[in-house]
Protein backbone atom coordinates (compact mmCIF):
# COMPACT_ATOMS: atom_id res chain seq x y z
CA UNK A 1 101.96 145.94 128.80
CA UNK A 2 100.56 145.86 132.19
CA UNK A 3 98.19 142.71 132.63
CA UNK A 4 98.51 138.83 132.56
CA UNK A 5 97.44 136.33 129.85
CA UNK A 6 96.45 132.83 129.46
CA UNK A 7 95.52 130.83 126.82
CA UNK A 8 93.90 127.45 127.50
CA UNK A 9 93.58 124.21 125.19
CA UNK A 10 90.57 122.02 128.31
CA UNK A 11 86.86 123.22 126.98
CA UNK A 12 83.80 121.04 127.22
CA UNK A 13 83.74 121.27 123.65
CA UNK A 14 86.63 119.68 122.26
CA UNK A 15 86.43 117.30 120.80
CA UNK A 16 88.60 116.78 117.60
CA UNK A 17 88.04 114.26 114.97
CA UNK A 18 90.73 111.22 116.20
CA UNK A 19 94.19 111.29 114.89
CA UNK A 20 94.58 115.20 113.92
CA UNK A 21 96.17 115.61 117.43
CA UNK A 22 95.11 118.47 119.87
CA UNK A 23 93.40 121.70 118.60
CA UNK A 24 96.07 124.53 119.65
CA UNK A 25 98.70 122.11 117.01
CA UNK A 26 96.39 122.19 114.04
CA UNK A 27 97.53 124.38 111.15
CA UNK A 28 96.76 128.16 110.81
CA UNK A 29 98.44 128.85 107.71
CA UNK A 30 102.31 128.76 107.91
CA UNK A 31 102.11 128.39 111.96
CA UNK A 32 100.55 126.25 114.32
CA UNK A 33 96.48 127.84 116.30
CA UNK A 34 98.73 128.15 118.97
CA UNK A 35 102.15 129.67 117.27
CA UNK A 36 99.67 132.29 115.31
CA UNK A 37 98.35 133.43 118.76
CA UNK A 38 102.04 133.50 120.65
CA UNK A 39 103.33 135.13 117.52
CA UNK A 40 100.00 138.41 118.69
CA UNK A 41 101.05 137.90 121.63
CA UNK A 42 104.86 138.91 121.48
CA UNK A 43 103.93 141.71 119.06
CA UNK A 44 101.43 143.66 121.26
CA UNK A 45 104.17 143.47 123.42
CA UNK A 46 102.54 140.54 126.14
CA UNK A 47 106.02 139.66 127.94
CA UNK A 48 104.50 136.13 129.33
CA UNK A 49 102.11 134.09 129.08
CA UNK A 50 100.47 131.09 130.86
CA UNK A 51 99.68 128.03 128.98
CA UNK A 52 97.19 126.01 130.76
CA UNK A 53 96.30 122.30 129.93
CA UNK A 54 94.66 119.43 132.05
CA UNK A 55 94.66 116.33 131.90
CA UNK A 56 91.70 115.15 129.42
CA UNK A 57 93.06 118.01 127.05
CA UNK A 58 97.66 117.79 127.40
CA UNK A 59 99.55 119.83 125.32
CA UNK A 60 103.03 119.88 124.52
CA UNK A 61 105.20 122.19 122.99
CA UNK A 62 108.27 120.21 121.94
CA UNK A 63 108.99 121.80 118.21
CA UNK A 64 106.86 125.08 118.58
CA UNK A 65 109.21 128.65 118.08
CA UNK A 66 108.92 130.83 120.39
CA UNK A 67 108.22 134.34 119.78
CA UNK A 68 111.64 136.23 120.51
CA UNK A 69 111.23 138.55 124.22
CA UNK A 70 108.02 136.36 124.53
CA UNK A 71 108.32 133.88 128.76
CA UNK A 72 106.31 131.31 127.53
CA UNK A 73 105.25 129.16 130.94
CA UNK A 74 103.30 125.77 130.18
CA UNK A 75 101.16 124.02 133.29
CA UNK A 76 100.13 121.40 132.96
CA UNK A 77 97.05 120.24 135.70
CA UNK A 78 97.06 116.71 136.52
CA UNK A 79 92.99 117.26 137.41
CA UNK A 80 90.05 119.14 135.56
CA UNK A 81 89.53 121.70 137.16
CA UNK A 82 87.65 124.57 134.97
CA UNK A 83 88.30 128.27 133.68
CA UNK A 84 87.89 129.93 136.61
CA UNK A 85 89.76 126.86 138.41
CA UNK A 86 92.86 126.81 136.41
CA UNK A 87 93.65 129.90 137.15
CA UNK A 88 94.61 129.59 140.48
CA UNK A 89 98.01 127.75 138.61
CA UNK A 90 98.74 129.80 136.26
CA UNK A 91 98.45 133.76 137.86
CA UNK A 92 99.88 134.71 141.14
CA UNK A 93 97.23 135.69 143.22
CA UNK A 94 98.74 138.46 144.89
CA UNK A 95 99.61 140.62 141.37
CA UNK A 96 97.48 143.97 139.93
CA UNK A 97 96.27 144.77 137.14
CA UNK A 98 93.68 142.41 135.27
CA UNK A 99 93.67 139.22 133.86
CA UNK A 100 93.49 137.81 130.20
CA UNK A 101 91.64 134.29 129.83
CA UNK A 102 91.17 132.83 126.09
CA UNK A 103 91.22 129.58 124.24
CA UNK A 104 93.70 128.35 121.68
CA UNK A 105 91.60 127.43 119.49
CA UNK A 106 90.96 130.69 117.37
CA UNK A 107 92.41 131.58 114.04
CA UNK A 108 91.71 134.44 114.88
CA UNK A 109 92.64 135.81 117.60
CA UNK A 110 91.45 139.81 118.96
CA UNK A 111 93.91 142.43 120.90
CA UNK A 112 94.09 141.99 123.68
CA UNK A 113 94.32 146.00 123.84
CA UNK A 114 90.81 145.79 122.73
CA UNK A 115 89.50 143.63 125.34
CA UNK A 116 91.24 145.61 127.84
CA UNK A 117 90.01 148.94 126.33
CA UNK A 118 85.78 146.96 125.90
CA UNK A 119 86.93 145.68 129.86
CA UNK A 120 87.76 149.15 131.64
CA UNK A 121 84.91 151.40 129.37
CA UNK A 122 82.46 148.70 130.68
CA UNK A 123 83.43 149.32 134.52
CA UNK A 124 83.53 145.56 135.39
CA UNK A 125 85.17 142.84 137.40
CA UNK A 126 85.00 140.13 135.27
CA UNK A 127 83.68 141.21 131.28
CA UNK A 128 82.41 138.25 128.85
CA UNK A 129 83.20 138.45 124.80
CA UNK A 130 80.24 137.40 122.21
CA UNK A 131 80.91 136.18 119.12
CA UNK A 132 79.30 138.58 116.97
CA UNK A 133 78.59 135.88 114.27
CA UNK A 134 77.07 134.46 116.75
CA UNK A 135 74.58 135.72 118.35
CA UNK A 136 74.43 132.12 121.15
CA UNK A 137 78.03 131.80 121.02
CA UNK A 138 80.42 132.68 123.97
CA UNK A 139 83.88 131.64 122.79
CA UNK A 140 85.54 131.15 126.73
CA UNK A 141 87.26 134.79 125.84
CA UNK A 142 87.26 136.94 129.09
CA UNK A 143 89.09 139.73 130.94
CA UNK A 144 88.85 139.98 134.88
CA UNK A 145 90.27 141.72 137.15
CA UNK A 146 92.99 140.43 139.58
CA UNK A 147 91.05 141.13 142.55
CA UNK A 148 88.07 138.39 142.09
CA UNK A 149 91.00 135.71 142.75
CA UNK A 150 89.42 135.14 146.11
CA UNK A 151 86.55 134.47 145.65
CA UNK A 152 88.60 131.11 143.72
CA UNK A 153 87.73 128.22 146.47
CA UNK A 154 91.25 126.44 146.59
CA UNK A 155 90.31 123.54 145.18
CA UNK A 156 87.64 121.68 143.18
CA UNK A 157 85.87 122.24 139.22
CA UNK A 158 85.77 125.89 139.10
CA UNK A 159 83.64 127.60 136.01
CA UNK A 160 83.67 130.78 135.33
CA UNK A 161 80.43 130.99 133.28
CA UNK A 162 78.59 128.09 135.52
CA UNK A 163 80.86 129.14 139.54
CA UNK A 164 81.65 132.71 139.58
CA UNK A 165 79.41 134.93 137.56
CA UNK A 166 76.64 132.98 140.24
CA UNK A 167 78.94 134.01 143.30
CA UNK A 168 79.66 137.51 141.50
CA UNK A 169 75.86 137.86 141.80
CA UNK A 170 75.38 136.70 145.43
CA UNK A 171 77.79 139.76 146.49
CA UNK A 172 76.66 142.33 144.00
CA UNK A 173 80.01 143.05 141.95
CA UNK A 174 79.02 144.12 138.51
CA UNK A 175 79.14 142.20 135.53
CA UNK A 176 79.25 142.80 131.97
CA UNK A 177 79.05 140.71 128.51
CA UNK A 178 80.32 142.56 125.37
CA UNK A 179 80.11 141.97 121.77
CA UNK A 180 83.76 141.35 120.06
CA UNK A 181 84.27 143.78 117.14
CA UNK A 182 84.88 140.56 114.74
CA UNK A 183 84.69 137.04 115.03
CA UNK A 184 87.83 135.34 116.68
CA UNK A 185 86.63 132.36 114.01
CA UNK A 186 86.51 129.77 117.05
CA UNK A 187 86.62 126.57 116.18
CA UNK A 188 86.57 122.44 117.96
CA UNK A 189 85.90 119.96 115.10
CA UNK A 190 87.00 119.85 111.47
CA UNK A 191 84.06 121.10 110.33
CA UNK A 192 83.64 124.69 112.58
CA UNK A 193 87.38 124.65 111.68
CA UNK A 194 87.02 124.53 107.58
CA UNK A 195 84.03 127.49 108.21
CA UNK A 196 86.65 130.09 110.23
CA UNK A 197 89.11 129.16 108.17
CA UNK A 198 87.49 130.10 104.59
CA UNK A 199 86.03 132.99 106.99
CA UNK A 200 89.55 134.23 107.94
CA UNK A 201 90.95 133.18 104.76
CA UNK A 202 92.39 137.04 104.27
CA UNK A 203 92.88 137.53 106.81
CA UNK A 204 95.59 135.18 107.70
CA UNK A 205 97.08 135.17 104.76
CA UNK A 206 97.40 139.25 105.17
CA UNK A 207 99.47 138.88 108.02
CA UNK A 208 101.64 135.81 107.52
CA UNK A 209 105.60 136.57 107.34
CA UNK A 210 106.45 133.47 105.05
CA UNK A 211 104.01 134.37 101.68
CA UNK A 212 103.38 137.53 100.20
CA UNK A 213 100.02 138.55 97.96
CA UNK A 214 102.05 136.85 94.19
CA UNK A 215 98.30 138.29 92.38
CA UNK A 216 95.43 140.62 93.54
CA UNK A 217 92.53 141.66 90.70
CA UNK A 218 88.62 141.84 90.57
CA UNK A 219 87.71 137.96 91.30
CA UNK A 220 91.15 136.41 92.56
CA UNK A 221 93.39 137.48 95.47
CA UNK A 222 96.67 134.56 95.60
CA UNK A 223 99.51 134.58 98.29
CA UNK A 224 102.25 132.48 98.24
CA UNK A 225 105.37 131.74 99.17
CA UNK A 226 108.87 132.25 96.87
CA UNK A 227 109.73 128.23 96.24
CA UNK A 228 106.53 127.25 95.45
CA UNK A 229 106.41 124.80 92.40
CA UNK A 230 102.51 125.89 90.62
CA UNK A 231 102.30 124.45 86.23
CA UNK A 232 101.76 126.63 84.51
CA UNK A 233 98.60 125.17 83.67
CA UNK A 234 97.37 124.97 86.74
CA UNK A 235 93.50 127.35 87.83
CA UNK A 236 93.72 128.83 90.42
CA UNK A 237 90.49 131.09 91.81
CA UNK A 238 91.52 132.64 94.96
CA UNK A 239 91.61 133.56 97.57
CA UNK A 240 94.46 130.73 98.09
CA UNK A 241 97.12 130.64 99.92
CA UNK A 242 99.65 128.67 99.11
CA UNK A 243 102.77 128.24 101.31
CA UNK A 244 106.91 127.22 100.87
CA UNK A 245 107.35 124.23 99.00
CA UNK A 246 104.37 123.38 98.45
CA UNK A 247 103.31 122.06 94.83
CA UNK A 248 100.71 122.26 92.19
CA UNK A 249 100.74 120.70 89.12
CA UNK A 250 98.18 120.68 86.06
CA UNK A 251 94.92 121.14 88.52
CA UNK A 252 91.99 123.07 89.14
CA UNK A 253 92.16 125.17 92.85
CA UNK A 254 89.08 126.92 93.71
CA UNK A 255 89.60 129.66 97.12
CA UNK A 256 89.32 129.80 100.11
CA UNK A 257 91.71 127.28 100.43
CA UNK A 258 95.38 127.18 102.11
CA UNK A 259 97.67 124.45 100.43
CA UNK A 260 100.39 124.42 103.56
CA UNK A 261 103.75 124.40 103.55
CA UNK A 262 105.15 120.67 101.47
CA UNK A 263 101.43 119.78 100.06
CA UNK A 264 100.78 118.60 96.99
CA UNK A 265 98.65 118.71 94.35
CA UNK A 266 98.59 116.49 91.50
CA UNK A 267 97.86 117.05 88.19
CA UNK A 268 93.77 116.97 86.97
CA UNK A 269 92.90 117.47 90.72
CA UNK A 270 89.92 119.43 91.29
CA UNK A 271 90.41 121.27 95.50
CA UNK A 272 87.68 123.71 96.03
CA UNK A 273 87.11 125.05 99.55
CA UNK A 274 89.30 123.33 101.36
CA UNK A 275 92.71 123.57 103.82
CA UNK A 276 95.11 120.98 103.30
CA UNK A 277 97.56 120.07 105.41
CA UNK A 278 101.95 120.75 105.59
CA UNK A 279 102.81 117.09 103.75
CA UNK A 280 99.22 115.85 102.26
CA UNK A 281 98.76 114.78 98.68
CA UNK A 282 95.42 115.42 96.62
CA UNK A 283 96.71 112.78 94.08
CA UNK A 284 95.94 112.62 90.69
CA UNK A 285 92.00 112.83 89.48
CA UNK A 286 90.57 113.05 92.55
CA UNK A 287 87.93 116.10 93.72
CA UNK A 288 88.11 117.55 96.93
CA UNK A 289 85.82 119.90 98.10
CA UNK A 290 84.60 121.39 101.34
CA UNK A 291 87.37 119.07 102.60
CA UNK A 292 90.14 118.70 105.15
CA UNK A 293 93.07 117.15 104.45
CA UNK A 294 95.33 115.94 107.45
CA UNK A 295 99.51 115.31 107.22
CA UNK A 296 100.96 113.22 105.91
CA UNK A 297 97.83 112.06 103.86
CA UNK A 298 97.09 111.33 101.06
CA UNK A 299 93.96 111.31 98.69
CA UNK A 300 93.50 108.53 96.85
CA UNK A 301 94.03 108.78 93.12
CA UNK A 302 90.55 109.56 91.61
CA UNK A 303 89.06 110.12 95.13
CA UNK A 304 85.64 111.93 95.00
CA UNK A 305 85.37 113.36 98.36
CA UNK A 306 82.65 115.89 99.49
CA UNK A 307 82.98 118.31 103.04
CA UNK A 308 84.79 115.89 104.99
CA UNK A 309 87.93 114.96 107.38
CA UNK A 310 90.35 112.89 105.75
CA UNK A 311 92.60 111.11 107.38
CA UNK A 312 94.60 107.95 107.21
CA UNK A 313 91.25 105.83 108.38
CA UNK A 314 89.25 107.76 105.82
CA UNK A 315 87.46 105.78 102.83
CA UNK A 316 86.41 107.64 99.84
CA UNK A 317 82.78 108.46 99.28
CA UNK A 318 83.25 106.87 95.81
CA UNK A 319 85.73 106.77 92.72
CA UNK A 320 85.63 109.00 89.51
CA UNK A 321 85.34 106.57 86.59
CA UNK A 322 88.28 106.90 84.04
CA UNK A 323 88.56 109.51 82.54
CA UNK A 324 86.17 112.03 84.36
CA UNK A 325 86.32 114.93 85.83
CA UNK A 326 84.44 117.39 87.57
CA UNK A 327 84.42 120.91 86.54
CA UNK A 328 84.58 123.41 88.76
CA UNK A 329 81.67 125.26 90.49
CA UNK A 330 80.73 128.01 88.15
CA UNK A 331 81.96 131.89 88.91
CA UNK A 332 78.98 134.53 89.96
CA UNK A 333 77.34 135.44 86.79
CA UNK A 334 77.03 131.83 85.40
CA UNK A 335 75.78 130.86 88.37
CA UNK A 336 73.08 133.85 88.03
CA UNK A 337 72.50 133.44 84.78
CA UNK A 338 71.64 129.61 85.10
CA UNK A 339 69.68 130.83 88.50
CA UNK A 340 67.17 132.94 86.48
CA UNK A 341 67.05 130.43 83.92
CA UNK A 342 65.87 127.71 86.23
CA UNK A 343 63.27 130.07 87.44
CA UNK A 344 61.53 130.96 84.23
CA UNK A 345 61.31 127.38 83.26
CA UNK A 346 59.96 126.56 86.52
CA UNK A 347 57.62 128.97 86.15
CA UNK A 348 56.46 128.31 82.75
CA UNK A 349 56.54 124.72 83.34
CA UNK A 350 54.26 124.84 86.55
CA UNK A 351 52.16 127.45 85.30
CA UNK A 352 50.82 125.48 81.89
CA UNK A 353 51.31 122.05 83.17
CA UNK A 354 48.74 123.28 86.06
CA UNK A 355 46.33 126.38 84.05
CA UNK A 356 43.03 124.36 85.79
CA UNK A 357 44.46 124.01 89.51
CA UNK A 358 45.84 127.64 89.28
CA UNK A 359 42.44 129.23 87.93
CA UNK A 360 40.26 127.12 90.79
CA UNK A 361 42.38 128.60 93.28
CA UNK A 362 42.10 132.11 91.68
CA UNK A 363 38.26 131.71 91.94
CA UNK A 364 38.51 130.87 95.45
CA UNK A 365 40.71 134.08 96.63
CA UNK A 366 38.35 135.99 94.84
CA UNK A 367 35.02 135.24 96.31
CA UNK A 368 36.08 133.76 99.89
CA UNK A 369 36.44 135.97 102.74
CA UNK A 370 38.00 133.03 104.84
CA UNK A 371 40.94 132.08 102.37
CA UNK A 372 41.70 135.07 99.78
CA UNK A 373 44.45 135.86 101.85
CA UNK A 374 45.93 132.83 99.81
CA UNK A 375 46.85 134.94 97.13
CA UNK A 376 49.70 136.53 98.93
CA UNK A 377 51.62 134.00 99.51
CA UNK A 378 53.57 133.11 95.75
CA UNK A 379 54.68 136.92 96.29
CA UNK A 380 56.02 136.82 99.38
CA UNK A 381 57.16 133.64 99.10
CA UNK A 382 59.11 135.33 96.20
CA UNK A 383 59.96 137.85 98.38
CA UNK A 384 61.79 135.65 100.66
CA UNK A 385 63.79 133.96 98.25
CA UNK A 386 64.83 137.05 97.05
CA UNK A 387 66.47 138.42 100.52
CA UNK A 388 68.40 134.65 100.34
CA UNK A 389 69.65 135.35 97.31
CA UNK A 390 72.86 135.99 98.84
CA UNK A 391 73.11 132.53 99.96
CA UNK A 392 71.79 130.65 97.68
CA UNK A 393 74.36 131.47 94.58
CA UNK A 394 76.66 129.99 95.88
CA UNK A 395 74.81 126.96 95.72
CA UNK A 396 76.06 124.61 93.33
CA UNK A 397 73.36 123.21 90.77
CA UNK A 398 73.99 120.00 90.06
CA UNK A 399 70.32 118.30 88.39
CA UNK A 400 68.89 115.32 90.01
CA UNK A 401 67.04 112.85 89.22
CA UNK A 402 64.64 112.46 92.13
CA UNK A 403 62.62 116.15 91.27
CA UNK A 404 61.62 113.69 87.94
CA UNK A 405 60.25 111.23 90.79
CA UNK A 406 58.53 113.83 92.42
CA UNK A 407 56.97 115.42 89.48
CA UNK A 408 55.96 112.72 88.28
CA UNK A 409 53.93 111.82 91.80
CA UNK A 410 52.93 115.34 92.03
CA UNK A 411 50.51 114.42 88.62
CA UNK A 412 49.85 110.85 90.09
CA UNK A 413 48.49 112.91 93.07
CA UNK A 414 46.48 115.31 90.79
CA UNK A 415 44.38 112.59 88.62
CA UNK A 416 43.78 110.88 91.63
CA UNK A 417 42.04 114.26 93.54
CA UNK A 418 40.50 114.41 89.92
CA UNK A 419 39.07 110.75 90.22
CA UNK A 420 37.53 110.85 93.48
CA UNK A 421 36.96 114.56 92.77
CA UNK A 422 39.09 115.64 96.61
CA UNK A 423 39.21 119.23 95.44
CA UNK A 424 42.31 119.84 97.75
CA UNK A 425 44.23 116.66 96.92
CA UNK A 426 44.18 117.90 93.56
CA UNK A 427 45.69 121.25 95.12
CA UNK A 428 48.54 119.58 96.63
CA UNK A 429 49.44 118.49 93.26
CA UNK A 430 50.55 122.15 92.18
CA UNK A 431 53.26 123.24 94.98
CA UNK A 432 54.21 119.30 95.02
CA UNK A 433 54.85 120.10 91.16
CA UNK A 434 56.47 122.69 91.79
CA UNK A 435 58.87 120.72 94.25
CA UNK A 436 59.20 118.58 92.01
CA UNK A 437 60.86 120.77 89.55
CA UNK A 438 62.79 123.09 91.59
CA UNK A 439 64.75 119.28 92.30
CA UNK A 440 64.78 118.60 89.62
CA UNK A 441 66.27 121.47 88.02
CA UNK A 442 68.64 122.63 91.14
CA UNK A 443 69.51 120.35 92.56
CA UNK A 444 69.28 118.97 96.10
CA UNK A 445 71.98 121.74 97.43
CA UNK A 446 69.44 124.27 96.32
CA UNK A 447 66.19 122.24 97.04
CA UNK A 448 67.45 122.11 101.02
CA UNK A 449 68.14 125.65 101.06
CA UNK A 450 63.91 126.06 99.41
CA UNK A 451 62.79 123.44 101.34
CA UNK A 452 61.14 125.91 104.33
CA UNK A 453 59.95 128.47 101.54
CA UNK A 454 58.17 125.65 98.81
CA UNK A 455 56.69 124.12 102.05
CA UNK A 456 54.88 127.87 102.93
CA UNK A 457 53.47 127.61 99.92
CA UNK A 458 50.52 125.22 101.05
CA UNK A 459 49.45 128.18 102.82
CA UNK A 460 48.07 129.61 99.84
CA UNK A 461 45.81 126.36 99.30
CA UNK A 462 42.39 126.71 101.14
CA UNK A 463 41.15 123.63 103.70
CA UNK A 464 39.87 120.26 102.89
CA UNK A 465 36.26 120.87 102.67
CA UNK A 466 34.97 118.90 105.34
CA UNK A 467 37.59 120.34 107.82
CA UNK A 468 36.41 123.27 107.26
CA UNK A 469 33.02 122.64 107.95
CA UNK A 470 33.89 120.79 111.01
CA UNK A 471 36.18 123.58 112.43
CA UNK A 472 33.27 127.10 111.40
CA UNK A 473 30.39 126.65 113.24
CA UNK A 474 32.63 125.69 116.45
CA UNK A 475 34.92 128.65 115.71
CA UNK A 476 31.74 130.69 115.37
CA UNK A 477 30.50 129.34 118.80
CA UNK A 478 33.68 130.20 120.53
CA UNK A 479 34.29 133.74 119.07
CA UNK A 480 30.46 134.67 120.61
CA UNK A 481 31.02 133.71 123.78
CA UNK A 482 34.56 134.63 124.32
CA UNK A 483 32.77 138.20 123.16
CA UNK A 484 29.94 137.78 125.67
CA UNK A 485 31.70 137.44 128.58
CA UNK A 486 34.46 139.95 127.43
CA UNK A 487 31.37 142.45 127.35
CA UNK A 488 31.23 141.18 130.70
CA UNK A 489 34.17 142.04 132.04
CA UNK A 490 33.46 145.33 130.60
CA UNK A 491 30.57 145.82 132.74
CA UNK A 492 27.12 145.80 129.91
CA UNK A 493 24.17 144.01 130.71
CA UNK A 494 24.34 141.36 127.70
CA UNK A 495 22.01 138.29 126.31
CA UNK A 496 22.81 135.83 123.99
CA UNK A 497 20.47 133.95 121.33
CA UNK A 498 22.70 131.51 120.15
CA UNK A 499 25.13 133.22 117.57
CA UNK A 500 23.50 136.70 118.31
CA UNK A 501 24.32 139.10 121.43
CA UNK A 502 21.49 141.61 122.87
CA UNK A 503 22.90 144.62 124.17
CA UNK A 504 20.28 147.01 125.66
CA UNK A 505 17.97 147.54 122.37
CA UNK A 506 21.04 147.01 120.31
CA UNK A 507 21.06 143.32 118.66
CA UNK A 508 24.73 142.25 117.32
CA UNK A 509 24.81 139.18 114.78
CA UNK A 510 27.94 137.41 114.75
CA UNK A 511 28.22 135.01 111.46
CA UNK A 512 29.75 132.99 110.22
CA UNK A 513 31.99 134.78 108.29
CA UNK A 514 33.18 136.82 111.40
CA UNK A 515 33.62 133.45 113.29
CA UNK A 516 37.51 133.76 113.39
CA UNK A 517 38.93 131.82 110.44
CA UNK A 518 39.74 134.35 107.77
CA UNK A 519 42.01 136.18 111.16
CA UNK A 520 43.39 132.38 111.56
CA UNK A 521 44.44 132.46 108.13
CA UNK A 522 46.03 135.38 107.77
CA UNK A 523 48.01 135.63 110.28
CA UNK A 524 48.86 132.34 110.46
CA UNK A 525 50.73 133.62 106.67
CA UNK A 526 52.59 136.81 107.86
CA UNK A 527 53.35 134.61 111.09
CA UNK A 528 54.81 131.93 108.27
CA UNK A 529 57.06 135.31 106.29
CA UNK A 530 58.00 136.53 109.10
CA UNK A 531 60.01 132.93 110.56
CA UNK A 532 61.10 132.27 107.39
CA UNK A 533 62.69 136.05 107.07
CA UNK A 534 64.17 136.30 110.43
CA UNK A 535 67.72 134.88 112.08
CA UNK A 536 66.13 133.60 114.97
CA UNK A 537 66.16 129.56 116.61
CA UNK A 538 63.94 126.88 115.55
CA UNK A 539 62.15 126.70 118.19
CA UNK A 540 61.55 130.67 118.74
CA UNK A 541 61.05 130.01 115.00
CA UNK A 542 58.76 127.25 116.77
CA UNK A 543 56.76 129.51 119.23
CA UNK A 544 55.30 132.29 116.63
CA UNK A 545 53.53 129.57 114.12
CA UNK A 546 51.78 128.14 117.30
CA UNK A 547 51.12 131.45 118.94
CA UNK A 548 49.39 132.83 115.76
CA UNK A 549 46.39 131.18 116.13
CA UNK A 550 45.65 131.85 119.64
CA UNK A 551 47.60 135.38 118.22
CA UNK A 552 44.61 135.70 115.50
CA UNK A 553 41.29 134.22 117.68
CA UNK A 554 42.03 137.10 120.69
CA UNK A 555 42.15 140.02 117.92
CA UNK A 556 39.21 138.52 116.56
CA UNK A 557 37.47 138.57 120.25
CA UNK A 558 38.53 141.95 120.69
CA UNK A 559 36.93 143.22 117.75
CA UNK A 560 33.90 141.61 117.65
CA UNK A 561 33.66 143.84 121.43
CA UNK A 562 34.69 146.81 119.98
CA UNK A 563 31.85 146.40 116.93
CA UNK A 564 29.42 145.96 119.70
CA UNK A 565 30.18 148.71 121.74
CA UNK A 566 30.50 150.61 118.60
CA UNK A 567 26.60 149.52 117.26
CA UNK A 568 25.33 151.04 120.54
CA UNK A 569 26.52 154.33 120.07
CA UNK A 570 26.24 154.20 116.33
CA UNK A 571 23.16 153.66 113.78
CA UNK A 572 22.72 153.85 110.22
CA UNK A 573 23.63 150.48 108.09
CA UNK A 574 26.51 152.74 106.45
CA UNK A 575 27.65 153.37 109.29
CA UNK A 576 28.18 149.77 111.13
CA UNK A 577 29.38 148.88 107.58
CA UNK A 578 32.02 150.90 107.85
CA UNK A 579 33.07 150.37 110.82
CA UNK A 580 32.36 146.65 110.48
CA UNK A 581 35.12 146.29 108.21
CA UNK A 582 37.10 148.76 109.69
CA UNK A 583 37.67 146.56 112.56
CA UNK A 584 38.13 143.66 111.06
CA UNK A 585 41.42 145.79 109.04
CA UNK A 586 42.24 147.65 112.56
CA UNK A 587 42.95 144.34 114.15
CA UNK A 588 45.48 142.60 111.63
CA UNK A 589 48.35 146.11 112.65
CA UNK A 590 47.51 144.71 116.10
CA UNK A 591 47.78 141.18 115.66
CA UNK A 592 51.83 142.29 113.92
CA UNK A 593 52.57 144.01 116.83
CA UNK A 594 51.56 141.30 119.44
CA UNK A 595 54.33 139.54 117.82
CA UNK A 596 57.21 141.51 117.31
CA UNK A 597 56.19 142.29 121.17
CA UNK A 598 57.36 138.02 120.94
CA UNK A 599 59.67 138.21 119.60
CA UNK A 600 61.70 141.45 120.73
CA UNK A 601 61.06 139.36 125.09
CA UNK A 602 61.79 135.93 123.29
CA UNK A 603 65.40 138.11 121.91
CA UNK A 604 66.06 139.87 125.12
CA UNK A 605 65.74 136.10 126.75
CA UNK A 606 67.86 134.81 124.65
CA UNK A 607 70.05 136.43 122.32
CA UNK A 608 73.05 138.18 122.86
CA UNK A 609 74.23 141.81 122.55
CA UNK A 610 74.41 143.35 119.17
CA UNK A 611 77.89 144.48 117.70
CA UNK A 612 79.66 147.06 119.81
CA UNK A 613 77.36 147.47 123.01
CA UNK A 614 77.81 145.97 125.81
CA UNK A 615 75.23 144.96 128.04
CA UNK A 616 74.78 143.97 132.29
CA UNK A 617 74.46 140.91 133.19
CA UNK A 618 74.97 142.01 137.35
CA UNK A 619 74.84 145.01 138.65
CA UNK A 620 74.25 145.80 142.37
CA UNK A 621 75.37 148.24 145.21
CA UNK A 622 78.00 146.58 147.16
CA UNK A 623 75.95 146.81 150.27
CA UNK A 624 78.08 148.52 152.97
CA UNK A 625 79.11 146.81 156.94
CA UNK A 626 76.04 148.67 159.04
CA UNK A 627 74.12 149.91 156.54
């Protein structure tokens, strides 16, 4: 294949856990990350690969079995040169053809042929590849034309994204960013390594020649080497990959899990969603949940660990009592049944216990225009939970006693509000009671995932009467003043008398119901629901929520201006009332359109291109001399 391939181990985010060695040597299936990458390159027909490392991330390939027919050149840089600067040492400056640059910290590297095809189709001098599973993550995979080497200085630090791309912008050379067809599974520490392995386990196992598919059914796929030792009483729920000379006693193994070569899982142990490195041991009675057990490490007897990187220096989170053992997480059907039961108990308990408060809220929603949108909040919250059902079904239900504490606190707050006649405090206890029941029955894991939805329920409550009185009149005055200002900008001769606008012979009164509070409450609710549904960064959601207030005020002012102008053109109380109501309804789609436009702008500024699409980063015409 006519191209040069450079793989590197340096990077600004490569900070592995102490004692685990370079990321390039971390096990991926039956090999290491760099061994798997070199093997894939050899099978694609690549004949020469340059492996670059710097003084911060030295790499020794002694003991790594090199694929036949692949010439591997190891380059150790005494300095730190960056992703572009390393090409000074790794690539022949006089060579022709494209240059492929990729990191070694990947569990599922993309095919070089795919990278070259996407680069050629884009027609750019430099192509940056994005991870389709992460909107803001560039996994440092690049393809560039060899002509760009002349733009890299002969010394100093020179990074592709920080230095080379701006240099090409000045020169007018085209640069494109393209989304990879699938995630390469990049990892930078123990937790991202576990996530990448779990996501790509079936691809890793399916392409590893040292293991074969031993069992496959609707609920379980298990790959195993020929010389593994698995007890008949062991319970294994795939996907699970078991490599050579591994031993599994009368244990429970729940995938996605990899049991490395020579690893041991002793009797009565439980391993869930973990990676057991070669030569590691999970002792009898231990419970390992989403953990990385390093090579040569023995997870102590009856050790309980959750989401940890276990090395020789790791202290167990706790030790299980004698004779106790944690059962594996329930299967999907059981989780669904328990979730439905939990929801039914929660709904019945809250509805019965807080029935007087529900009646009070219903009466307010029916008679108050400002807070009538509150009746939509419970239904919208249920819809958000339904949209998140695929994310919630895999969370274990582990009841927490803290939920009972929160439930008791809600009752104390309820009686405090009732005794002191503070209606808002009394109504707030309804939401606190819901939160307490969810925490009590479902546990901290599920409670943490739905906490934002539970907080969203506070939007169904009307404001405290004191706060309502303080903002109602100022809002009414501001609405009148802004409407007068808008009408004057349009050339109308307007006279304001209090909250009455005089346009010629027509008088338009801005009533308290037109102060904009109704639109603010309704639009804040819609903005909150969109913030829960869209997959954006937290600061983007915060901007969306904060901007909902000025957008609602602008839309209310627009409605008042249009209504005042319409009243000068139409007559009759029936027509005036109909247009007044229609104008209020029409502003809500306008406000939503403004919000969606805001999200679209933020997406253009912050989000990588979608899968399979390419976007121009820099495309400028090259100026010819004398032009």
